[in-house]
Protein backbone atom coordinates (compact mmCIF):
# COMPACT_ATOMS: atom_id res chain seq x y z
CA MET A 1 102.92 79.19 101.82
CA LYS A 2 99.63 79.20 99.93
CA PHE A 3 99.52 79.03 96.14
CA GLU A 4 96.73 80.23 93.86
CA PHE A 5 96.62 78.81 90.35
CA ASP A 6 94.99 79.83 87.11
CA GLY A 7 94.33 77.70 84.05
CA SER A 8 97.25 79.15 82.08
CA LEU A 9 99.76 77.21 84.16
CA TRP A 10 98.54 73.79 83.00
CA VAL A 11 100.53 71.88 80.37
CA ASP A 12 98.33 69.48 78.38
CA LYS A 13 99.68 66.00 77.73
CA ASN A 14 98.04 62.92 76.19
CA GLY A 15 94.98 62.31 78.44
CA TYR A 16 96.37 64.26 81.38
CA ARG A 17 97.85 67.62 82.27
CA THR A 18 100.49 68.93 84.68
CA MET A 19 101.13 72.13 86.58
CA LYS A 20 104.45 72.86 88.27
CA VAL A 21 103.77 74.29 91.75
CA PHE A 22 107.34 75.22 92.64
CA SER A 23 110.95 74.17 92.16
CA ILE A 24 113.04 73.01 95.08
CA SER A 25 116.33 72.63 93.21
CA ASP A 26 117.53 71.93 89.67
CA ASP A 27 116.46 68.28 89.96
CA SER A 28 113.52 68.47 92.40
CA PHE A 29 110.09 70.03 92.12
CA LEU A 30 106.46 69.68 93.09
CA GLN A 31 103.69 69.45 90.53
CA ILE A 32 99.99 68.70 90.32
CA VAL A 33 98.93 66.06 87.81
CA GLU A 34 95.33 65.72 86.65
CA ILE A 35 94.17 62.65 84.75
CA LYS A 36 91.00 63.55 82.93
CA GLY A 37 87.82 61.52 83.42
CA SER A 38 87.70 58.22 81.49
CA SER A 39 91.42 58.59 80.69
CA ASN A 40 94.70 57.01 81.67
CA VAL A 41 98.43 57.51 81.79
CA ARG A 42 100.14 54.65 79.95
CA LYS A 43 102.78 52.43 81.53
CA HIS A 44 106.11 54.20 81.83
CA TYR A 45 109.13 54.58 84.10
CA HIS A 46 111.90 57.03 84.86
CA ILE A 47 115.56 56.10 84.69
CA SER A 48 116.82 58.42 87.45
CA GLN A 49 113.98 60.12 89.27
CA THR A 50 112.02 59.12 92.33
CA GLU A 51 108.40 60.25 92.61
CA VAL A 52 106.13 60.55 95.62
CA PHE A 53 102.40 60.68 94.86
CA TYR A 54 99.89 62.25 97.26
CA ILE A 55 96.30 61.76 96.09
CA LEU A 56 94.30 65.00 96.23
CA GLU A 57 90.99 64.22 94.55
CA GLY A 58 89.15 61.38 92.82
CA VAL A 59 89.60 57.61 92.76
CA ALA A 60 91.65 55.67 90.20
CA VAL A 61 93.68 52.52 89.70
CA LEU A 62 97.36 53.26 90.29
CA GLY A 63 99.84 50.65 89.12
CA LEU A 64 103.32 50.39 90.63
CA GLY A 65 105.53 47.56 89.43
CA GLU A 66 103.55 44.32 89.74
CA GLU A 67 100.87 45.79 92.04
CA GLU A 68 97.68 47.75 91.40
CA TYR A 69 96.03 49.91 94.05
CA ILE A 70 92.75 51.77 94.33
CA ALA A 71 94.14 55.25 95.01
CA ARG A 72 91.97 57.62 97.06
CA PRO A 73 92.41 61.11 98.55
CA GLY A 74 94.99 61.10 101.34
CA ASP A 75 96.89 58.04 100.03
CA ILE A 76 100.66 58.34 99.52
CA PHE A 77 102.74 56.20 97.15
CA LEU A 78 106.49 55.96 96.52
CA CYS A 79 107.74 55.24 93.00
CA ARG A 80 111.46 54.51 92.75
CA PRO A 81 113.57 54.85 89.59
CA GLU A 82 112.90 52.20 86.91
CA THR A 83 109.58 51.17 88.50
CA VAL A 84 106.91 50.89 85.83
CA HIS A 85 103.81 52.86 86.81
CA TRP A 86 100.47 53.91 85.31
CA VAL A 87 97.04 55.34 86.17
CA ILE A 88 93.60 54.28 84.95
CA ASN A 89 90.79 56.73 85.70
CA GLU A 90 87.51 54.95 84.94
CA SER A 91 85.45 57.73 86.55
CA ASN A 92 84.03 60.63 84.58
CA LYS A 93 85.61 62.98 87.14
CA PRO A 94 89.26 64.14 87.18
CA PHE A 95 91.83 62.33 89.31
CA ARG A 96 94.34 64.77 90.84
CA LEU A 97 97.57 64.06 92.62
CA LEU A 98 100.46 66.05 94.00
CA VAL A 99 103.75 64.68 92.67
CA PHE A 100 107.12 65.36 94.29
CA LYS A 101 109.90 64.62 91.80
CA TYR A 102 113.44 64.04 93.08
CA GLY A 103 116.43 63.35 90.85
CA TRP A 104 114.60 64.70 87.78
CA LYS A 105 116.49 64.85 84.48
CA GLU A 106 115.40 65.98 81.02
CA ASN A 107 114.29 63.06 78.80
CA ASP A 108 114.12 60.64 81.77
CA LEU A 109 110.71 59.26 80.75
CA VAL A 110 110.50 55.83 79.06
CA TRP A 111 107.10 54.67 77.72
CA VAL A 112 106.48 50.91 77.91
CA GLN A 113 104.84 49.10 75.02
CA ASP A 114 101.83 47.02 76.12
């Protein structure tokens, strides 16, 4: 399957935006996340859901638990429930990743105070 996207499908968040590609079931879907240049996604975790990140474009610092990685296109990361994670995009270019969410529930996001 090939998907074509237009700008109307993006949902703007604080410093990043998301686009749902397709649903797999009521609690699983695939989305594209774009962290704008010189932006970040604050530390947070999910109570129930597991996420798999596949890096599509750009380079950024990706934090998972106690570790930080330099994430590049082609890298894959697993983020289990209750694992604190974040992204820092120091570049002026967007950082894009494909995110597979499994076990998703409404209001499952918990922001961590720094």
